[in-house]
């Protein structure tokens, strides 16, 4: 199916259905954008974010703390 075929079908629709089509297109575009964001590779910009507490807590200590907070 190409754009011309889609346009012909849309032209035959009543305005309220065209509005629904536009909403659905927006939904699909948002969904695709969300999927593409989740497929990005990690950037590790957070690395070293807890370095100031590294002498006070080990990674195991932090894991236990997270479990307490849940």
Protein backbone atom coordinates (compact mmCIF):
# COMPACT_ATOMS: atom_id res chain seq x y z
CA UNK A 1 0.00 0.00 0.00
CA UNK A 2 1.34 3.43 -0.87
CA UNK A 3 0.53 6.99 0.17
CA UNK A 4 -1.83 7.60 -2.76
CA UNK A 5 -3.96 4.61 -1.82
CA UNK A 6 -4.08 5.76 1.79
CA UNK A 7 -5.04 9.30 0.74
CA UNK A 8 -7.87 8.00 -1.47
CA UNK A 9 -9.29 6.00 1.41
CA UNK A 10 -8.98 8.92 3.83
CA UNK A 11 -10.72 11.25 1.37
CA UNK A 12 -13.76 8.94 1.43
CA UNK A 13 -14.01 9.00 5.23
CA UNK A 14 -16.19 11.31 7.29
CA UNK A 15 -14.29 13.96 9.31
CA UNK A 16 -14.75 12.20 12.65
CA UNK A 17 -13.08 9.06 11.31
CA UNK A 18 -10.25 11.09 9.80
CA UNK A 19 -9.68 12.48 13.27
CA UNK A 20 -9.43 8.94 14.65
CA UNK A 21 -6.98 8.00 11.91
CA UNK A 22 -4.82 10.99 12.84
CA UNK A 23 -4.93 9.97 16.50
CA UNK A 24 -3.89 6.45 15.56
CA UNK A 25 -1.04 7.75 13.42
CA UNK A 26 0.15 9.88 16.35
CA UNK A 27 -0.06 6.83 18.61
CA UNK A 28 2.02 4.74 16.20
CA UNK A 29 4.60 7.48 15.83
CA UNK A 30 4.90 7.81 19.59
CA UNK A 31 5.11 4.04 20.01
CA UNK A 32 7.85 3.82 17.38
CA UNK A 33 9.76 6.67 19.00
CA UNK A 34 9.58 4.92 22.39
CA UNK A 35 10.79 1.65 20.88
CA UNK A 36 13.70 3.33 19.15
CA UNK A 37 14.71 5.01 22.42
CA UNK A 38 14.76 1.70 24.26
CA UNK A 39 17.03 0.20 21.61
CA UNK A 40 19.76 2.78 22.23
CA UNK A 41 23.01 1.54 23.64
CA UNK A 42 24.00 2.48 27.17
CA UNK A 43 26.02 5.63 27.57
CA UNK A 44 27.14 5.08 31.20
CA UNK A 45 26.82 8.79 31.93
CA UNK A 46 25.89 7.80 35.48
CA UNK A 47 29.24 6.06 36.04
CA UNK A 48 30.94 7.31 39.18
CA UNK A 49 27.77 9.01 40.42
CA UNK A 50 28.10 7.42 43.86
CA UNK A 51 31.86 7.67 44.19
CA UNK A 52 31.57 9.97 47.21
CA UNK A 53 30.02 7.13 49.27
CA UNK A 54 32.25 4.33 47.97
CA UNK A 55 34.32 4.21 51.16
CA UNK A 56 31.20 4.04 53.33
CA UNK A 57 29.20 1.39 51.40
CA UNK A 58 30.04 -1.60 49.23
CA UNK A 59 27.91 -2.57 46.26
CA UNK A 60 26.47 -5.41 48.35
CA UNK A 61 25.54 -2.94 51.11
CA UNK A 62 23.72 -0.81 48.54
CA UNK A 63 21.87 -3.85 47.17
CA UNK A 64 20.66 -4.68 50.68
CA UNK A 65 19.61 -1.06 51.23
CA UNK A 66 17.57 -1.10 48.02
CA UNK A 67 15.78 -4.24 49.17
CA UNK A 68 14.92 -2.50 52.46
CA UNK A 69 13.47 0.48 50.60
CA UNK A 70 11.10 -1.64 48.51
